Amino acid sequence: MKIKDALRAGKIGCQALPWRLAAACGLWQGGGAPVKFVSEKVNWAIQTVGENIGWHLNNKMPGSFEMTSVPYKNCHRVVHFGSQYMWLAWQKHMPIGNKYVVSFFHGKPEDGPDVAAHIDQFVASSDLISTVITGSSIVAKRLASWGIPESKVCLIPIGVDTRKFVPPSEAERLAARQKFGVKDGEIVIGSFQKDGVGWGDGMDPKLIKGPDRLVEVVSQLAKDLPIKVFLTGPARGYVKRGLENSGVEYIHRYPKDHSGLIECYHALDMYFMTSREEGGPMGLTESMACGVPVVSTAVGMAPDLLTGNMTKGLIVNYTAETFADAARRFLDDQDLIETLKSESYNKVQKVDWQHVADAHWEKVYSKLVSR
C-alpha cells in the first residue's frame, strides 16, 4: 500500500471509530432516510446520478432518500455507495446493521495492474454487498464472470433528464452555433468529458478515455472536411495540444452547471465517443436525447442503446479508418441523419431519470428496506 493510501485509511478509521463503537454498544441506531447514497463532494457523474435518483424518489416518497459524503454516520440503513472505489475505502470502517448497495460502472483487469488489484479486492468484499448495480450489459456479464452471483447483479442504466435535454429547434440550433463561433458550413464534432489525469491542465492523458483516438480520428476527417471540435470539461490539455498540432480548430467551454451543457449539444452535428472503457457515459445519453448522431466504440452503454440504424455508428473493432468512415457515412446521408435523430431520441426516453429512479427503488431499495 502506498504511504498516501495508508494515511488516508488511517484517517478514515479514526473518523469512523466513535460511530462504530456507539452502534456496537446499542447507543446509536442511526437516523434519517432509509436509503443513503454515498458520493464525495465533487461535481462529477456519481453525484449527478445520486441527485437525480433522489429528486425523483423524494417527489414520490418524501424522506426516502438522502445524499451523504460521510458514510460512517449511518446505521441500520440501506447505504448505496455510488462507486466501487468509495466502497473499498470505507467498507472496513462501517457501523453494524447496514445493508450495502454498490455501483460498479467500469473497469477490467486488462486496464492495468492497479485496476486488476482493485477488482480482486472488490470481489473479495462482495459477500458484504447485497446488490451490485451496473449500467451496462457488458459490465454485468463481466461481474458474473468474476464470481459475483448473478442474483446480486442488477442492470440499471445511467439516466438522462429528457425534459431538459431535448432536440433544438432550428432557431435554437443556429443561435447556439452563433454563440460558440461556428462558421457556416463547419461540421461540429462534440466530445464532452474529462480525459486527462487529475484536475489540472490535462497534459497527462487518461488513455482509457481515448483522447489519442479522438485526435487521430478528427485529424483524419479534417484533411478534407471543415471540422471543428467542441470540447467541454476539465483536463483537456492533451487533446487541445493534439488538435493544435494537427491544425484542427476547436472550441473549449466549461459550463458552470450540468444544464449548461444543453446549449453545447445544440451546436453539434455529431458526437464522438472514442473510449477504451466506459461506464455510461452521460455524454452518450445526453447526445441521444438532444438528437445528436453518435459514433462510438463498443463500450459502456453504447451496445445497449445504439440499436437499429444507430448500430452504423457502433465501432466494435476500433481503427481510425473505420471510425472516420462511419462518421462520413452519416455526413453523406441526410436522410439517415434524420432517421438517427428520431431513433436516438425515442430510444433514450426509456432511460429517463424517472424510470431509472423507479428501477432503483423497485429492483433494489424496496427489497432491502423491507427486510
Protein backbone atom coordinates (compact mmCIF):
# COMPACT_ATOMS: atom_id res chain seq x y z
CA MET A 1 0.00 0.00 0.00
CA LYS A 2 1.27 3.47 -0.86
CA ILE A 3 2.03 5.82 2.05
CA LYS A 4 -0.68 8.23 0.89
CA ASP A 5 -3.27 5.43 0.79
CA ALA A 6 -2.19 4.16 4.22
CA LEU A 7 -2.55 7.63 5.74
CA ARG A 8 -5.99 8.04 4.19
CA ALA A 9 -7.10 4.64 5.51
CA GLY A 10 -5.86 5.59 8.98
CA LYS A 11 -7.75 8.88 8.88
CA ILE A 12 -10.95 7.15 7.78
CA GLY A 13 -10.61 4.60 10.56
CA CYS A 14 -10.18 7.28 13.22
CA GLN A 15 -13.18 9.25 11.96
CA ALA A 16 -15.42 6.20 11.94
CA LEU A 17 -14.37 4.57 15.23
CA PRO A 18 -16.65 6.51 17.65
CA TRP A 19 -19.70 5.84 15.48
CA ARG A 20 -18.87 2.15 15.14
CA LEU A 21 -18.47 1.80 18.91
CA ALA A 22 -21.74 3.63 19.61
CA ALA A 23 -23.60 1.38 17.18
CA ALA A 24 -21.98 -1.79 18.53
CA CYS A 25 -22.96 -0.86 22.11
CA GLY A 26 -26.54 -0.08 21.12
CA LEU A 27 -26.14 3.60 21.98
CA TRP A 28 -26.95 4.74 18.44
CA GLN A 29 -29.46 3.39 15.95
CA GLY A 30 -28.85 5.78 13.08
CA GLY A 31 -31.40 8.19 11.64
CA GLY A 32 -32.71 9.97 8.61
CA ALA A 33 -33.88 8.48 5.33
CA PRO A 34 -33.94 4.70 4.93
CA VAL A 35 -31.71 4.97 1.85
CA LYS A 36 -28.42 6.86 1.94
CA PHE A 37 -26.44 7.47 -1.26
CA VAL A 38 -22.70 7.98 -0.74
CA SER A 39 -20.89 10.44 -3.01
CA GLU A 40 -17.92 12.69 -2.49
CA LYS A 41 -18.49 16.46 -2.50
CA VAL A 42 -17.28 16.80 -6.08
CA ASN A 43 -19.21 17.90 -9.15
CA TRP A 44 -18.85 14.69 -11.10
CA ALA A 45 -21.03 11.99 -12.63
CA ILE A 46 -21.64 9.98 -9.45
CA GLN A 47 -23.05 13.00 -7.64
CA THR A 48 -25.32 13.70 -10.62
CA VAL A 49 -26.58 10.12 -10.51
CA GLY A 50 -27.42 10.36 -6.81
CA GLU A 51 -29.06 13.76 -7.09
CA ASN A 52 -31.35 12.65 -9.90
CA ILE A 53 -32.37 9.39 -8.24
CA GLY A 54 -33.06 11.29 -5.02
CA TRP A 55 -35.06 14.07 -6.67
CA HIS A 56 -37.48 11.64 -8.29
CA LEU A 57 -37.80 9.26 -5.32
CA ASN A 58 -38.37 12.06 -2.82
CA ASN A 59 -41.03 13.56 -5.06
CA LYS A 60 -42.93 10.26 -4.86
CA MET A 61 -41.93 9.25 -1.32
CA PRO A 62 -40.75 12.27 0.67
CA GLY A 63 -37.89 11.50 3.03
CA SER A 64 -36.99 8.18 1.41
CA PHE A 65 -33.54 9.11 0.09
CA GLU A 66 -30.62 11.25 1.22
CA MET A 67 -27.17 12.06 -0.16
CA THR A 68 -24.18 11.85 2.16
CA SER A 69 -20.41 12.22 1.97
CA VAL A 70 -19.85 10.71 5.43
CA PRO A 71 -20.90 7.06 5.16
CA TYR A 72 -19.80 6.06 8.67
CA LYS A 73 -22.60 8.19 10.17
CA ASN A 74 -25.17 5.64 9.03
CA CYS A 75 -26.51 2.65 10.92
CA HIS A 76 -29.38 0.24 10.14
CA ARG A 77 -29.84 1.83 6.73
CA VAL A 78 -29.56 0.88 3.08
CA VAL A 79 -26.26 2.51 2.17
CA HIS A 80 -25.62 2.87 -1.56
CA PHE A 81 -22.02 3.62 -2.45
CA GLY A 82 -22.01 5.48 -5.77
CA SER A 83 -18.69 3.93 -6.80
CA GLN A 84 -16.78 0.77 -6.02
CA TYR A 85 -13.74 2.88 -5.10
CA MET A 86 -15.58 4.62 -2.27
CA TRP A 87 -16.92 1.28 -1.08
CA LEU A 88 -13.44 -0.21 -0.79
CA ALA A 89 -12.19 2.88 1.05
CA TRP A 90 -14.95 2.73 3.67
CA GLN A 91 -16.27 -0.83 3.92
CA LYS A 92 -13.99 -1.94 6.76
CA HIS A 93 -14.98 1.06 8.87
CA MET A 94 -18.78 1.00 8.64
CA PRO A 95 -21.08 0.60 11.68
CA ILE A 96 -23.16 -2.55 12.11
CA GLY A 97 -26.64 -3.18 10.77
CA ASN A 98 -26.43 -1.62 7.32
CA LYS A 99 -27.31 -3.27 4.02
CA TYR A 100 -24.96 -2.31 1.22
CA VAL A 101 -25.52 -1.47 -2.42
CA VAL A 102 -22.53 -0.63 -4.61
CA SER A 103 -22.44 0.80 -8.13
CA PHE A 104 -19.74 -0.71 -10.33
CA PHE A 105 -19.77 1.05 -13.68
CA HIS A 106 -16.46 0.25 -15.34
CA GLY A 107 -13.11 -1.47 -15.07
CA LYS A 108 -11.45 -4.71 -16.18
CA PRO A 109 -8.13 -6.40 -15.27
CA GLU A 110 -6.70 -5.58 -18.68
CA ASP A 111 -6.82 -1.88 -17.79
CA GLY A 112 -3.66 -2.25 -15.70
CA PRO A 113 -2.24 -3.84 -12.54
CA ASP A 114 -3.80 -1.25 -10.20
CA VAL A 115 -7.26 -1.85 -11.68
CA ALA A 116 -6.74 -5.63 -11.56
CA ALA A 117 -5.79 -5.45 -7.87
CA HIS A 118 -8.80 -3.23 -7.18
CA ILE A 119 -11.12 -5.74 -8.86
CA ASP A 120 -9.69 -8.59 -6.77
CA GLN A 121 -10.35 -6.56 -3.62
CA PHE A 122 -13.88 -5.77 -4.75
CA VAL A 123 -14.72 -9.40 -5.49
CA ALA A 124 -13.26 -10.43 -2.11
CA SER A 125 -15.58 -7.92 -0.39
CA SER A 126 -18.70 -8.93 -2.32
CA ASP A 127 -20.08 -11.16 0.46
CA LEU A 128 -20.82 -7.95 2.39
CA ILE A 129 -22.77 -6.44 -0.51
CA SER A 130 -26.48 -7.08 -1.05
CA THR A 131 -26.64 -5.73 -4.61
CA VAL A 132 -24.14 -4.57 -7.21
CA ILE A 133 -25.65 -2.10 -9.69
CA THR A 134 -24.12 -1.58 -13.10
CA GLY A 135 -25.24 0.48 -16.07
CA SER A 136 -24.30 -1.81 -18.97
CA SER A 137 -24.75 -5.42 -20.01
CA ILE A 138 -21.02 -5.57 -20.78
CA VAL A 139 -20.11 -4.98 -17.14
CA ALA A 140 -22.98 -7.13 -15.83
CA LYS A 141 -21.53 -10.12 -17.71
CA ARG A 142 -18.06 -9.20 -16.52
CA LEU A 143 -19.12 -9.14 -12.87
CA ALA A 144 -20.69 -12.58 -13.20
CA SER A 145 -17.53 -13.95 -14.83
CA TRP A 146 -15.51 -12.74 -11.82
CA GLY A 147 -17.68 -14.76 -9.46
CA ILE A 148 -20.24 -12.20 -8.31
CA PRO A 149 -23.52 -14.17 -8.07
CA GLU A 150 -25.90 -13.18 -10.86
CA SER A 151 -28.63 -12.80 -8.23
CA LYS A 152 -26.65 -9.90 -6.75
CA VAL A 153 -26.06 -8.07 -10.04
CA CYS A 154 -28.71 -5.55 -11.12
CA LEU A 155 -28.56 -3.83 -14.51
CA ILE A 156 -29.92 -0.27 -14.31
CA PRO A 157 -28.72 2.21 -16.96
CA ILE A 158 -27.39 5.65 -16.13
CA GLY A 159 -30.20 8.08 -16.81
CA VAL A 160 -30.79 11.38 -18.56
CA ASP A 161 -33.25 14.22 -17.97
CA THR A 162 -35.34 14.09 -21.13
CA ARG A 163 -37.29 17.16 -20.06
CA LYS A 164 -34.15 19.31 -20.23
CA PHE A 165 -32.01 17.53 -22.81
CA VAL A 166 -34.18 17.86 -25.91
CA PRO A 167 -33.55 18.33 -29.64
CA PRO A 168 -33.22 22.01 -30.56
CA SER A 169 -35.47 23.88 -32.91
CA GLU A 170 -33.71 25.19 -35.99
CA ALA A 171 -33.64 28.65 -34.41
CA GLU A 172 -32.11 27.26 -31.21
CA ARG A 173 -29.52 25.33 -33.19
CA LEU A 174 -28.49 28.40 -35.18
CA ALA A 175 -28.37 30.53 -32.03
CA ALA A 176 -26.12 28.01 -30.27
CA ARG A 177 -23.75 27.77 -33.22
CA GLN A 178 -23.58 31.54 -33.48
CA LYS A 179 -22.91 31.89 -29.75
CA PHE A 180 -19.97 29.49 -29.92
CA GLY A 181 -18.49 31.00 -33.07
CA VAL A 182 -19.31 28.23 -35.53
CA LYS A 183 -18.94 29.37 -39.13
CA ASP A 184 -21.38 28.47 -41.89
CA GLY A 185 -20.63 25.03 -43.30
CA GLU A 186 -18.45 23.86 -40.40
CA ILE A 187 -19.04 20.33 -39.10
CA VAL A 188 -19.02 20.39 -35.31
CA ILE A 189 -17.90 17.22 -33.52
CA GLY A 190 -18.56 17.02 -29.78
CA SER A 191 -16.52 15.41 -27.02
CA PHE A 192 -17.82 16.31 -23.57
CA GLN A 193 -15.77 14.52 -20.93
CA LYS A 194 -12.67 14.63 -18.75
CA ASP A 195 -9.84 12.70 -20.41
CA GLY A 196 -6.74 13.97 -18.60
CA VAL A 197 -5.27 12.69 -15.36
CA GLY A 198 -6.17 14.82 -12.33
CA TRP A 199 -7.88 18.20 -12.34
CA GLY A 200 -5.10 20.34 -13.79
CA ASP A 201 -4.41 21.19 -17.42
CA GLY A 202 -4.77 17.58 -18.54
CA MET A 203 -1.49 17.26 -20.43
CA ASP A 204 -1.10 13.76 -18.98
CA PRO A 205 -3.72 11.78 -20.95
CA LYS A 206 -6.11 9.31 -19.39
CA LEU A 207 -5.78 6.88 -22.28
CA ILE A 208 -8.70 4.72 -21.16
CA LYS A 209 -10.91 7.62 -22.31
CA GLY A 210 -9.36 7.53 -25.78
CA PRO A 211 -8.09 11.12 -26.15
CA ASP A 212 -5.39 9.88 -28.54
CA ARG A 213 -8.05 8.22 -30.67
CA LEU A 214 -10.17 11.37 -30.73
CA VAL A 215 -7.26 13.41 -32.06
CA GLU A 216 -6.42 10.68 -34.56
CA VAL A 217 -9.94 10.43 -35.99
CA VAL A 218 -10.77 14.13 -36.24
CA SER A 219 -7.34 14.88 -37.73
CA GLN A 220 -8.07 12.34 -40.44
CA LEU A 221 -11.52 13.79 -41.14
CA ALA A 222 -10.18 17.35 -41.16
CA LYS A 223 -7.95 16.58 -44.14
CA ASP A 224 -10.90 17.10 -46.48
CA LEU A 225 -13.78 18.30 -44.29
CA PRO A 226 -14.34 21.61 -42.41
CA ILE A 227 -14.17 20.00 -38.97
CA LYS A 228 -14.42 21.94 -35.72
CA VAL A 229 -14.19 20.04 -32.43
CA PHE A 230 -16.29 21.16 -29.45
CA LEU A 231 -14.75 20.21 -26.09
CA THR A 232 -16.21 20.64 -22.63
CA GLY A 233 -14.97 19.59 -19.22
CA PRO A 234 -11.69 19.91 -17.33
CA ALA A 235 -8.26 18.46 -18.08
CA ARG A 236 -8.44 18.55 -21.90
CA GLY A 237 -4.89 19.79 -22.47
CA TYR A 238 -3.63 16.68 -24.25
CA VAL A 239 -6.47 16.81 -26.78
CA LYS A 240 -6.12 20.55 -27.33
CA ARG A 241 -2.40 20.24 -27.99
CA GLY A 242 -3.01 17.34 -30.38
CA LEU A 243 -5.63 19.30 -32.30
CA GLU A 244 -3.36 22.33 -32.49
CA ASN A 245 -0.50 20.20 -33.81
CA SER A 246 -2.84 18.79 -36.48
CA GLY A 247 -4.25 22.19 -37.39
CA VAL A 248 -7.79 21.27 -36.33
CA GLU A 249 -9.92 24.11 -34.96
CA TYR A 250 -11.66 23.61 -31.65
CA ILE A 251 -13.90 25.26 -29.06
CA HIS A 252 -13.43 24.61 -25.35
CA ARG A 253 -16.08 25.59 -22.83
CA TYR A 254 -16.59 24.58 -19.20
CA PRO A 255 -20.25 25.22 -18.27
CA LYS A 256 -20.83 26.27 -14.67
CA ASP A 257 -23.52 23.64 -14.14
CA HIS A 258 -24.78 20.50 -15.83
CA SER A 259 -27.70 22.19 -17.56
CA GLY A 260 -25.20 24.48 -19.27
CA LEU A 261 -24.27 21.54 -21.49
CA ILE A 262 -27.63 21.61 -23.26
CA GLU A 263 -26.74 24.60 -25.42
CA CYS A 264 -23.41 22.95 -26.21
CA TYR A 265 -25.15 19.83 -27.53
CA HIS A 266 -27.43 22.02 -29.63
CA ALA A 267 -24.41 23.30 -31.55
CA LEU A 268 -23.25 19.82 -32.59
CA ASP A 269 -23.52 17.88 -35.83
CA MET A 270 -22.19 14.67 -34.28
CA TYR A 271 -20.84 13.28 -31.01
CA PHE A 272 -17.73 11.08 -30.83
CA MET A 273 -17.03 8.58 -28.06
CA THR A 274 -13.58 7.04 -28.60
CA SER A 275 -13.07 5.45 -25.17
CA ARG A 276 -11.43 2.12 -24.48
CA GLU A 277 -13.62 1.64 -21.39
CA GLU A 278 -16.75 3.38 -20.11
CA GLY A 279 -19.46 3.02 -17.53
CA GLY A 280 -22.05 5.11 -19.39
CA PRO A 281 -21.16 7.72 -20.20
CA MET A 282 -23.64 10.55 -19.70
CA GLY A 283 -22.45 12.13 -22.93
CA LEU A 284 -23.96 9.19 -24.81
CA THR A 285 -27.47 9.52 -23.40
CA GLU A 286 -27.42 13.32 -23.43
CA SER A 287 -26.39 13.38 -27.10
CA MET A 288 -29.16 10.95 -27.97
CA ALA A 289 -31.74 12.96 -26.04
CA CYS A 290 -30.69 16.09 -27.95
CA GLY A 291 -30.98 14.24 -31.27
CA VAL A 292 -27.24 14.30 -31.96
CA PRO A 293 -25.98 11.30 -34.01
CA VAL A 294 -23.33 9.31 -32.15
CA VAL A 295 -20.28 7.42 -33.39
CA SER A 296 -18.89 5.33 -30.56
CA THR A 297 -16.61 2.47 -29.70
CA ALA A 298 -18.48 -0.55 -28.33
CA VAL A 299 -18.00 0.30 -24.65
CA GLY A 300 -20.24 1.15 -21.71
CA MET A 301 -23.92 1.51 -22.54
CA ALA A 302 -23.30 2.09 -26.25
CA PRO A 303 -24.05 -1.51 -27.37
CA ASP A 304 -27.25 -1.48 -25.29
CA LEU A 305 -28.54 1.84 -26.64
CA LEU A 306 -27.19 2.15 -30.18
CA THR A 307 -29.61 -0.23 -31.88
CA GLY A 308 -31.38 -0.24 -35.24
CA ASN A 309 -29.82 2.22 -37.70
CA MET A 310 -27.72 3.59 -34.84
CA THR A 311 -25.53 0.46 -34.99
CA LYS A 312 -23.95 2.01 -38.09
CA GLY A 313 -22.16 4.30 -35.66
CA LEU A 314 -21.08 1.50 -33.29
CA ILE A 315 -17.41 0.59 -33.78
CA VAL A 316 -16.68 -2.90 -32.45
CA ASN A 317 -13.06 -3.18 -33.58
CA TYR A 318 -11.56 0.30 -33.49
CA THR A 319 -9.29 1.72 -36.14
CA ALA A 320 -9.17 5.39 -37.03
CA GLU A 321 -10.27 4.47 -40.54
CA THR A 322 -13.39 2.53 -39.50
CA PHE A 323 -14.40 5.25 -37.06
CA ALA A 324 -13.89 8.02 -39.62
CA ASP A 325 -15.71 6.02 -42.30
CA ALA A 326 -18.76 5.66 -40.03
CA ALA A 327 -18.81 9.42 -39.50
CA ARG A 328 -18.53 10.03 -43.24
CA ARG A 329 -21.46 7.71 -43.95
CA PHE A 330 -23.61 9.78 -41.62
CA LEU A 331 -22.45 13.07 -43.11
CA ASP A 332 -23.11 11.88 -46.66
CA ASP A 333 -26.70 10.78 -45.99
CA GLN A 334 -29.03 13.47 -44.67
CA ASP A 335 -32.00 11.09 -44.68
CA LEU A 336 -30.03 8.72 -42.44
CA ILE A 337 -29.14 11.61 -40.14
CA GLU A 338 -32.82 12.46 -39.70
CA THR A 339 -33.61 8.80 -39.02
CA LEU A 340 -30.83 8.62 -36.44
CA LYS A 341 -32.09 11.74 -34.67
CA SER A 342 -35.56 10.22 -34.36
CA GLU A 343 -34.35 6.76 -33.31
CA SER A 344 -31.93 8.07 -30.71
CA TYR A 345 -34.48 10.42 -29.18
CA ASN A 346 -37.10 7.67 -28.93
CA LYS A 347 -34.66 5.08 -27.56
CA VAL A 348 -33.33 7.29 -24.80
CA GLN A 349 -36.78 8.03 -23.39
CA LYS A 350 -36.55 4.58 -21.76
CA VAL A 351 -33.64 5.76 -19.61
CA ASP A 352 -35.18 9.00 -18.39
CA TRP A 353 -34.22 9.60 -14.75
CA GLN A 354 -37.80 8.93 -13.63
CA HIS A 355 -37.61 5.37 -15.00
CA VAL A 356 -34.10 4.91 -13.62
CA ALA A 357 -35.09 6.14 -10.14
CA ASP A 358 -38.14 3.86 -10.13
CA ALA A 359 -35.93 0.92 -11.10
CA HIS A 360 -33.59 1.63 -8.18
CA TRP A 361 -36.50 1.59 -5.76
CA GLU A 362 -38.41 -1.37 -7.21
CA LYS A 363 -35.47 -3.64 -8.06
CA VAL A 364 -33.13 -2.79 -5.18
CA TYR A 365 -34.01 -0.42 -2.34
CA SER A 366 -37.56 -1.57 -1.53
CA LYS A 367 -36.42 -5.18 -1.14
CA LEU A 368 -33.72 -4.18 1.34
CA VAL A 369 -35.68 -1.57 3.29
CA SER A 370 -38.47 -4.07 3.96
CA ARG A 371 -36.17 -6.75 5.41
